[in-house]
């Protein structure tokens, strides 16, 4: 389905065969969300295309893009992640940036805003980003070897030994491993 232009082919037309995305070369990673896709290029930049109703393309707007658009303000990116309408990028210095839907604080920025349309620094010292399919929570692995969670915790998915609204800043996952 291409109802949000999330195939990046310049239209909203569905395709049932592989179709070349113009303007995309040297792609090293793809992170699809519900209605958008972000792509990491070999030069450390990130492009996005598709739905952008909550700023998940990170271009400072909520305009949809049917072709790849460079996400400004990001460089030296080494890893990306995405889920639903939220996007993340980790840079070579282990800083993590997040943008898009901030439901339950899932962006890990400490902000109470419901969404952000540009990459915002979430935290540093990150070596891994793990998103849930619902984008209601995220787990970060940090250089200290511990896991930290942000977002929804109504079912205990952040590993805090509690069931609550969650956290908008990285909170240590507790318990025995």
C-alpha atoms as a PDB file:
ATOM      1  CA  UNK A   1       0.000   0.000   0.000  1.00  0.00           C
ATOM      2  CA  UNK A   2       1.212   3.496  -0.841  1.00  0.00           C
ATOM      3  CA  UNK A   3      -1.643   5.573   0.559  1.00  0.00           C
ATOM      4  CA  UNK A   4       0.768   7.916   2.340  1.00  0.00           C
ATOM      5  CA  UNK A   5       3.374   7.979  -0.476  1.00  0.00           C
ATOM      6  CA  UNK A   6       5.517   5.849   1.811  1.00  0.00           C
ATOM      7  CA  UNK A   7       7.117   4.022  -1.126  1.00  0.00           C
ATOM      8  CA  UNK A   8       9.007   7.200  -2.111  1.00  0.00           C
ATOM      9  CA  UNK A   9       8.312   6.756  -5.826  1.00  0.00           C
ATOM     10  CA  UNK A  10       6.844  10.210  -6.467  1.00  0.00           C
ATOM     11  CA  UNK A  11       3.182   9.211  -6.379  1.00  0.00           C
ATOM     12  CA  UNK A  12       0.482   7.641  -4.241  1.00  0.00           C
ATOM     13  CA  UNK A  13       0.108   4.704  -6.664  1.00  0.00           C
ATOM     14  CA  UNK A  14       0.330   1.183  -5.261  1.00  0.00           C
ATOM     15  CA  UNK A  15       2.998  -1.102  -6.727  1.00  0.00           C
ATOM     16  CA  UNK A  16       3.063  -4.902  -6.732  1.00  0.00           C
ATOM     17  CA  UNK A  17       6.584  -5.176  -8.172  1.00  0.00           C
ATOM     18  CA  UNK A  18       9.881  -3.704  -6.932  1.00  0.00           C
ATOM     19  CA  UNK A  19      10.190  -0.108  -8.141  1.00  0.00           C
ATOM     20  CA  UNK A  20      13.348   2.007  -8.144  1.00  0.00           C
ATOM     21  CA  UNK A  21      13.248   5.017  -5.831  1.00  0.00           C
ATOM     22  CA  UNK A  22      14.876   7.940  -7.651  1.00  0.00           C
ATOM     23  CA  UNK A  23      17.472   9.922  -5.731  1.00  0.00           C
ATOM     24  CA  UNK A  24      18.381   7.027  -3.460  1.00  0.00           C
ATOM     25  CA  UNK A  25      21.849   5.512  -3.760  1.00  0.00           C
ATOM     26  CA  UNK A  26      24.364   4.157  -1.292  1.00  0.00           C
ATOM     27  CA  UNK A  27      21.584   3.222   1.156  1.00  0.00           C
ATOM     28  CA  UNK A  28      22.949   1.281   4.140  1.00  0.00           C
ATOM     29  CA  UNK A  29      19.764   0.954   6.231  1.00  0.00           C
ATOM     30  CA  UNK A  30      15.995   1.395   5.923  1.00  0.00           C
ATOM     31  CA  UNK A  31      13.593   1.903   8.822  1.00  0.00           C
ATOM     32  CA  UNK A  32       9.904   1.793   7.846  1.00  0.00           C
ATOM     33  CA  UNK A  33       7.207   3.166  10.086  1.00  0.00           C
ATOM     34  CA  UNK A  34       3.438   2.904   9.750  1.00  0.00           C
ATOM     35  CA  UNK A  35       3.094   5.550   7.011  1.00  0.00           C
ATOM     36  CA  UNK A  36       6.669   6.714   6.451  1.00  0.00           C
ATOM     37  CA  UNK A  37      10.156   5.413   5.780  1.00  0.00           C
ATOM     38  CA  UNK A  38      13.574   6.770   6.707  1.00  0.00           C
ATOM     39  CA  UNK A  39      16.794   5.701   5.012  1.00  0.00           C
ATOM     40  CA  UNK A  40      20.413   5.995   6.157  1.00  0.00           C
ATOM     41  CA  UNK A  41      22.897   6.761   3.394  1.00  0.00           C
ATOM     42  CA  UNK A  42      26.592   5.809   3.398  1.00  0.00           C
ATOM     43  CA  UNK A  43      27.589   9.469   3.849  1.00  0.00           C
ATOM     44  CA  UNK A  44      25.837   9.565   7.271  1.00  0.00           C
ATOM     45  CA  UNK A  45      22.799  11.550   6.151  1.00  0.00           C
ATOM     46  CA  UNK A  46      19.177  10.450   6.475  1.00  0.00           C
ATOM     47  CA  UNK A  47      16.319  10.834   4.013  1.00  0.00           C
ATOM     48  CA  UNK A  48      12.624  10.341   4.641  1.00  0.00           C
ATOM     49  CA  UNK A  49       9.484   9.927   2.582  1.00  0.00           C
ATOM     50  CA  UNK A  50       5.777   9.252   3.069  1.00  0.00           C
ATOM     51  CA  UNK A  51       3.326  10.415   5.706  1.00  0.00           C
ATOM     52  CA  UNK A  52       4.427  13.238   7.974  1.00  0.00           C
ATOM     53  CA  UNK A  53       1.294  14.090   9.954  1.00  0.00           C
ATOM     54  CA  UNK A  54       3.228  14.100  13.263  1.00  0.00           C
ATOM     55  CA  UNK A  55       6.584  15.289  11.935  1.00  0.00           C
ATOM     56  CA  UNK A  56       8.008  11.773  11.573  1.00  0.00           C
ATOM     57  CA  UNK A  57      10.028  12.831   8.499  1.00  0.00           C
ATOM     58  CA  UNK A  58      11.955  15.362  10.616  1.00  0.00           C
ATOM     59  CA  UNK A  59      12.013  18.142   8.018  1.00  0.00           C
ATOM     60  CA  UNK A  60      10.423  20.769  10.289  1.00  0.00           C
ATOM     61  CA  UNK A  61       6.978  20.409   8.683  1.00  0.00           C
ATOM     62  CA  UNK A  62       3.981  18.097   8.662  1.00  0.00           C
ATOM     63  CA  UNK A  63       3.914  17.964   4.848  1.00  0.00           C
ATOM     64  CA  UNK A  64       3.875  14.559   3.184  1.00  0.00           C
ATOM     65  CA  UNK A  65       6.761  13.793   0.785  1.00  0.00           C
ATOM     66  CA  UNK A  66       6.287  11.375  -2.104  1.00  0.00           C
ATOM     67  CA  UNK A  67      10.031  11.440  -2.874  1.00  0.00           C
ATOM     68  CA  UNK A  68      13.053  11.179  -0.545  1.00  0.00           C
ATOM     69  CA  UNK A  69      13.769  14.380   1.378  1.00  0.00           C
ATOM     70  CA  UNK A  70      16.958  14.992   3.364  1.00  0.00           C
ATOM     71  CA  UNK A  71      16.351  15.406   7.081  1.00  0.00           C
ATOM     72  CA  UNK A  72      18.168  18.623   8.050  1.00  0.00           C
ATOM     73  CA  UNK A  73      20.391  18.832  11.106  1.00  0.00           C
ATOM     74  CA  UNK A  74      21.588  15.232  11.033  1.00  0.00           C
ATOM     75  CA  UNK A  75      25.121  14.175  10.090  1.00  0.00           C
ATOM     76  CA  UNK A  76      27.474  11.341  10.938  1.00  0.00           C
ATOM     77  CA  UNK A  77      24.483   9.049  11.513  1.00  0.00           C
ATOM     78  CA  UNK A  78      25.430   5.378  11.956  1.00  0.00           C
ATOM     79  CA  UNK A  79      22.065   3.790  12.836  1.00  0.00           C
ATOM     80  CA  UNK A  80      18.348   4.522  12.453  1.00  0.00           C
ATOM     81  CA  UNK A  81      15.124   3.125  13.858  1.00  0.00           C
ATOM     82  CA  UNK A  82      11.471   3.833  13.306  1.00  0.00           C
ATOM     83  CA  UNK A  83       8.076   2.603  14.407  1.00  0.00           C
ATOM     84  CA  UNK A  84       4.588   3.847  13.722  1.00  0.00           C
ATOM     85  CA  UNK A  85       5.032   7.654  13.502  1.00  0.00           C
ATOM     86  CA  UNK A  86       8.296   8.018  15.430  1.00  0.00           C
ATOM     87  CA  UNK A  87      11.889   8.103  14.114  1.00  0.00           C
ATOM     88  CA  UNK A  88      15.343   7.842  15.727  1.00  0.00           C
ATOM     89  CA  UNK A  89      18.942   8.340  14.582  1.00  0.00           C
ATOM     90  CA  UNK A  90      22.199   7.493  16.402  1.00  0.00           C
ATOM     91  CA  UNK A  91      25.311   9.424  15.440  1.00  0.00           C
ATOM     92  CA  UNK A  92      28.967   8.341  15.481  1.00  0.00           C
ATOM     93  CA  UNK A  93      29.447  10.035  18.867  1.00  0.00           C
ATOM     94  CA  UNK A  94      26.600   7.848  20.317  1.00  0.00           C
ATOM     95  CA  UNK A  95      24.107  10.720  20.550  1.00  0.00           C
ATOM     96  CA  UNK A  96      20.515   9.766  19.807  1.00  0.00           C
ATOM     97  CA  UNK A  97      18.064  12.099  18.100  1.00  0.00           C
ATOM     98  CA  UNK A  98      14.311  11.559  17.945  1.00  0.00           C
ATOM     99  CA  UNK A  99      11.377  13.172  16.149  1.00  0.00           C
ATOM    100  CA  UNK A 100       7.731  12.568  15.324  1.00  0.00           C
ATOM    101  CA  UNK A 101       5.026  11.312  17.670  1.00  0.00           C
ATOM    102  CA  UNK A 102       5.853  11.817  21.356  1.00  0.00           C
ATOM    103  CA  UNK A 103       2.921   9.914  22.832  1.00  0.00           C
ATOM    104  CA  UNK A 104       3.741   8.965  26.439  1.00  0.00           C
ATOM    105  CA  UNK A 105       7.220  10.514  26.059  1.00  0.00           C
ATOM    106  CA  UNK A 106       8.468   7.877  23.584  1.00  0.00           C
ATOM    107  CA  UNK A 107      10.964  10.359  22.050  1.00  0.00           C
ATOM    108  CA  UNK A 108      12.983  10.304  25.324  1.00  0.00           C
ATOM    109  CA  UNK A 109      13.598  14.063  25.145  1.00  0.00           C
ATOM    110  CA  UNK A 110      11.884  14.954  28.419  1.00  0.00           C
ATOM    111  CA  UNK A 111       9.405  17.084  26.484  1.00  0.00           C
ATOM    112  CA  UNK A 112       5.670  17.006  27.108  1.00  0.00           C
ATOM    113  CA  UNK A 113       4.947  18.143  23.531  1.00  0.00           C
ATOM    114  CA  UNK A 114       2.734  15.701  21.649  1.00  0.00           C
ATOM    115  CA  UNK A 115       5.135  15.646  18.685  1.00  0.00           C
ATOM    116  CA  UNK A 116       8.208  17.337  17.225  1.00  0.00           C
ATOM    117  CA  UNK A 117       8.870  17.976  13.539  1.00  0.00           C
ATOM    118  CA  UNK A 118      12.690  18.224  13.746  1.00  0.00           C
ATOM    119  CA  UNK A 119      15.308  15.918  15.271  1.00  0.00           C
ATOM    120  CA  UNK A 120      15.769  16.649  18.979  1.00  0.00           C
ATOM    121  CA  UNK A 121      18.604  15.330  21.138  1.00  0.00           C
ATOM    122  CA  UNK A 122      17.202  12.508  23.261  1.00  0.00           C
ATOM    123  CA  UNK A 123      20.284  11.208  25.065  1.00  0.00           C
ATOM    124  CA  UNK A 124      23.936  10.305  24.586  1.00  0.00           C
ATOM    125  CA  UNK A 125      26.013   7.191  25.130  1.00  0.00           C
ATOM    126  CA  UNK A 126      23.611   5.001  23.142  1.00  0.00           C
ATOM    127  CA  UNK A 127      24.837   1.826  21.447  1.00  0.00           C
ATOM    128  CA  UNK A 128      21.462   0.396  20.386  1.00  0.00           C
ATOM    129  CA  UNK A 129      17.869   1.531  19.748  1.00  0.00           C
ATOM    130  CA  UNK A 130      14.986  -0.957  19.973  1.00  0.00           C
ATOM    131  CA  UNK A 131      11.483   0.173  19.042  1.00  0.00           C
ATOM    132  CA  UNK A 132       8.168  -1.564  19.519  1.00  0.00           C
ATOM    133  CA  UNK A 133       5.820  -2.062  16.602  1.00  0.00           C
ATOM    134  CA  UNK A 134       3.284   0.234  18.237  1.00  0.00           C
ATOM    135  CA  UNK A 135       5.867   3.016  18.819  1.00  0.00           C
ATOM    136  CA  UNK A 136       4.493   3.432  22.301  1.00  0.00           C
ATOM    137  CA  UNK A 137       7.806   2.548  23.931  1.00  0.00           C
ATOM    138  CA  UNK A 138      11.496   2.371  23.081  1.00  0.00           C
ATOM    139  CA  UNK A 139      14.446   0.653  24.761  1.00  0.00           C
ATOM    140  CA  UNK A 140      17.935   2.139  24.488  1.00  0.00           C
ATOM    141  CA  UNK A 141      21.143   0.226  25.181  1.00  0.00           C
ATOM    142  CA  UNK A 142      23.794   2.564  26.536  1.00  0.00           C
ATOM    143  CA  UNK A 143      27.565   2.299  26.654  1.00  0.00           C
ATOM    144  CA  UNK A 144      27.380   1.435  30.379  1.00  0.00           C
ATOM    145  CA  UNK A 145      25.815  -1.905  29.316  1.00  0.00           C
ATOM    146  CA  UNK A 146      22.419  -1.114  30.806  1.00  0.00           C
ATOM    147  CA  UNK A 147      19.054  -0.810  29.121  1.00  0.00           C
ATOM    148  CA  UNK A 148      16.896   2.298  29.471  1.00  0.00           C
ATOM    149  CA  UNK A 149      13.263   2.746  28.462  1.00  0.00           C
ATOM    150  CA  UNK A 150      11.005   5.619  27.470  1.00  0.00           C
ATOM    151  CA  UNK A 151       7.345   5.874  26.603  1.00  0.00           C
ATOM    152  CA  UNK A 152       4.317   3.842  27.579  1.00  0.00           C
ATOM    153  CA  UNK A 153       4.643   1.511  30.568  1.00  0.00           C
ATOM    154  CA  UNK A 154       1.005   0.551  31.128  1.00  0.00           C
ATOM    155  CA  UNK A 155       1.848  -3.127  30.653  1.00  0.00           C
ATOM    156  CA  UNK A 156       5.266  -2.944  32.312  1.00  0.00           C
ATOM    157  CA  UNK A 157       7.103  -2.968  28.974  1.00  0.00           C
ATOM    158  CA  UNK A 158       9.784  -0.544  30.243  1.00  0.00           C
ATOM    159  CA  UNK A 159      10.948  -3.029  32.859  1.00  0.00           C
ATOM    160  CA  UNK A 160      10.528  -0.697  35.842  1.00  0.00           C
ATOM    161  CA  UNK A 161       8.725  -3.294  37.976  1.00  0.00           C
ATOM    162  CA  UNK A 162       5.663  -1.033  37.864  1.00  0.00           C
ATOM    163  CA  UNK A 163       2.668  -0.414  35.632  1.00  0.00           C
ATOM    164  CA  UNK A 164       2.323   3.317  35.026  1.00  0.00           C
ATOM    165  CA  UNK A 165       2.110   6.026  32.369  1.00  0.00           C
ATOM    166  CA  UNK A 166       5.819   5.641  31.631  1.00  0.00           C
ATOM    167  CA  UNK A 167       8.736   7.991  31.251  1.00  0.00           C
ATOM    168  CA  UNK A 168       9.727  10.813  28.892  1.00  0.00           C
ATOM    169  CA  UNK A 169      13.403  10.464  29.835  1.00  0.00           C
ATOM    170  CA  UNK A 170      15.500   7.292  29.702  1.00  0.00           C
ATOM    171  CA  UNK A 171      14.744   5.250  32.846  1.00  0.00           C
ATOM    172  CA  UNK A 172      16.881   2.298  33.878  1.00  0.00           C
ATOM    173  CA  UNK A 173      15.375  -1.114  33.177  1.00  0.00           C
ATOM    174  CA  UNK A 174      15.551  -3.024  36.466  1.00  0.00           C
ATOM    175  CA  UNK A 175      15.389  -6.680  37.368  1.00  0.00           C
ATOM    176  CA  UNK A 176      17.411  -9.827  36.947  1.00  0.00           C
ATOM    177  CA  UNK A 177      18.745 -10.791  33.525  1.00  0.00           C
END
